[in-house]
N, C-alpha and C. Protein backbone atom coordinates (compact mmCIF):
# COMPACT_ATOMS: atom_id res chain seq x y z
N UNK A 1 70.08 34.84 12.54
CA UNK A 1 70.45 34.49 11.77
C UNK A 1 69.56 33.62 10.99
N UNK A 2 70.04 33.59 9.43
CA UNK A 2 68.75 33.53 8.67
C UNK A 2 68.87 32.12 8.37
N UNK A 3 67.50 31.29 8.07
CA UNK A 3 67.95 29.65 7.66
C UNK A 3 68.09 29.87 6.22
N UNK A 4 68.66 28.48 5.74
CA UNK A 4 69.03 28.75 4.44
C UNK A 4 68.62 27.20 3.33
N UNK A 5 67.85 27.53 2.64
CA UNK A 5 66.73 26.68 1.81
C UNK A 5 67.76 26.30 0.28
N UNK A 6 67.63 24.89 -0.10
CA UNK A 6 67.75 25.14 -1.00
C UNK A 6 66.69 24.56 -2.32
N UNK A 7 66.60 24.78 -3.26
CA UNK A 7 65.61 24.78 -4.32
C UNK A 7 66.12 24.30 -5.37
N UNK A 8 65.10 23.76 -6.22
CA UNK A 8 65.52 23.37 -7.36
C UNK A 8 64.72 24.33 -8.68
N UNK A 9 65.06 25.02 -9.51
CA UNK A 9 64.39 26.11 -10.07
C UNK A 9 65.25 25.59 -11.87
N UNK A 10 64.18 26.69 -12.13
CA UNK A 10 64.43 27.23 -13.85
C UNK A 10 65.34 28.16 -13.77
N UNK A 11 64.59 29.38 -13.10
CA UNK A 11 65.65 30.67 -13.60
C UNK A 11 64.57 31.84 -11.99
N UNK A 12 65.95 32.64 -10.82
CA UNK A 12 65.37 33.66 -9.92
C UNK A 12 65.61 35.38 -10.18
N UNK A 13 64.69 35.83 -10.10
CA UNK A 13 63.68 36.90 -10.02
C UNK A 13 64.16 37.41 -8.50
N UNK A 14 64.43 38.46 -8.37
CA UNK A 14 64.35 39.48 -7.62
C UNK A 14 64.10 39.92 -7.88
N UNK A 15 63.02 40.72 -6.52
CA UNK A 15 62.00 41.67 -6.59
C UNK A 15 62.08 42.57 -5.10
N UNK A 16 60.57 43.24 -5.40
CA UNK A 16 60.48 44.06 -4.51
C UNK A 16 58.75 43.72 -4.03
N UNK A 17 58.30 43.11 -2.65
CA UNK A 17 56.36 43.58 -2.64
C UNK A 17 56.15 44.31 -2.49
N UNK A 18 54.61 44.15 -3.02
CA UNK A 18 54.42 45.99 -3.19
C UNK A 18 52.79 46.32 -2.52
N UNK A 19 52.55 47.16 -1.60
CA UNK A 19 51.15 46.65 -1.89
C UNK A 19 50.06 46.61 -2.59
N UNK A 20 49.33 45.61 -2.66
CA UNK A 20 48.27 45.50 -3.27
C UNK A 20 46.66 45.07 -3.02
N UNK A 21 45.83 46.32 -2.80
CA UNK A 21 44.57 45.94 -1.99
C UNK A 21 44.61 45.56 -0.43
N UNK A 22 44.25 45.60 -0.35
CA UNK A 22 44.14 44.37 1.58
C UNK A 22 45.28 43.58 1.94
N UNK A 23 45.91 43.25 0.47
CA UNK A 23 47.20 42.44 0.48
C UNK A 23 48.44 43.26 0.14
N UNK A 24 49.65 41.82 -0.95
CA UNK A 24 50.54 42.17 -1.48
C UNK A 24 50.90 41.52 -2.21
N UNK A 25 51.84 42.10 -4.10
CA UNK A 25 52.44 41.15 -4.47
C UNK A 25 53.49 41.55 -4.48
N UNK A 26 54.53 40.16 -5.88
CA UNK A 26 55.54 40.40 -6.45
C UNK A 26 54.55 39.75 -8.10
N UNK A 27 55.40 41.32 -8.61
CA UNK A 27 55.35 41.10 -10.33
C UNK A 27 56.37 40.06 -10.43
N UNK A 28 55.92 38.92 -11.89
CA UNK A 28 56.49 38.43 -12.29
C UNK A 28 56.41 38.20 -14.03
N UNK A 29 57.06 37.64 -14.51
CA UNK A 29 57.86 37.91 -15.70
C UNK A 29 55.68 37.28 -17.01
N UNK A 30 55.22 38.25 -17.66
CA UNK A 30 54.03 37.33 -18.30
C UNK A 30 54.76 35.93 -18.25
N UNK A 31 55.60 35.22 -19.09
CA UNK A 31 56.03 34.24 -19.68
C UNK A 31 55.27 33.03 -18.44
N UNK A 32 56.04 33.44 -17.50
CA UNK A 32 55.52 32.20 -16.37
C UNK A 32 54.59 32.00 -16.04
N UNK A 33 52.53 32.58 -17.22
CA UNK A 33 52.00 32.10 -16.41
C UNK A 33 51.75 30.34 -16.36
N UNK A 34 51.36 30.28 -15.01
CA UNK A 34 51.07 28.42 -15.44
C UNK A 34 52.11 27.75 -14.87
N UNK A 35 53.21 28.52 -14.02
CA UNK A 35 54.56 28.01 -14.08
C UNK A 35 53.98 27.60 -12.44
N UNK A 36 54.37 26.35 -11.73
CA UNK A 36 54.82 26.99 -10.23
C UNK A 36 55.85 27.05 -9.69
N UNK A 37 55.49 28.27 -8.52
CA UNK A 37 56.50 29.11 -8.27
C UNK A 37 57.05 29.10 -6.73
N UNK A 38 57.38 29.71 -6.42
CA UNK A 38 57.42 29.37 -5.05
C UNK A 38 58.66 30.55 -4.16
N UNK A 39 57.88 31.41 -3.57
CA UNK A 39 58.36 32.78 -3.05
C UNK A 39 59.54 32.22 -1.47
N UNK A 40 60.34 33.40 -1.59
CA UNK A 40 60.90 33.76 0.00
C UNK A 40 61.31 34.54 0.44
N UNK A 41 60.80 35.08 1.28
CA UNK A 41 61.48 36.18 2.08
C UNK A 41 63.04 35.80 2.53
N UNK A 42 63.58 37.39 2.09
CA UNK A 42 64.65 38.00 2.22
C UNK A 42 65.34 38.37 3.20
N UNK A 43 64.52 39.18 3.71
CA UNK A 43 64.19 40.36 4.42
C UNK A 43 63.10 40.59 5.72
N UNK A 44 63.83 41.39 6.79
CA UNK A 44 62.25 41.60 7.47
C UNK A 44 61.57 42.53 6.31
N UNK A 45 60.12 42.60 6.95
CA UNK A 45 59.60 43.34 6.13
C UNK A 45 59.61 45.26 6.82
N UNK A 46 59.79 46.11 5.92
CA UNK A 46 60.15 47.14 6.20
C UNK A 46 58.35 47.86 6.79
N UNK A 47 57.41 47.73 6.70
CA UNK A 47 56.61 48.51 6.72
C UNK A 47 55.70 47.61 7.71
N UNK A 48 54.81 47.80 8.78
CA UNK A 48 53.90 47.82 9.73
C UNK A 48 52.35 47.09 9.40
N UNK A 49 52.60 45.73 9.59
CA UNK A 49 50.52 45.27 9.04
C UNK A 49 49.95 46.34 9.67
N UNK A 50 48.74 46.53 8.81
CA UNK A 50 47.63 47.76 9.41
C UNK A 50 46.42 46.27 9.37
N UNK A 51 45.81 46.12 10.61
CA UNK A 51 44.80 45.43 10.67
C UNK A 51 43.53 45.89 11.55
């Protein structure tokens, strides 16, 4: 069962986490530079961590 979160915000962006070196990232619009953001994972990861 998923948790439910309530977040006050200005805009929602659906995206996919992509590999980035030894980490991963989500790309957001350039106009969001300098803004505070929150990232919420909505599904289980499909790839296993390689450590």
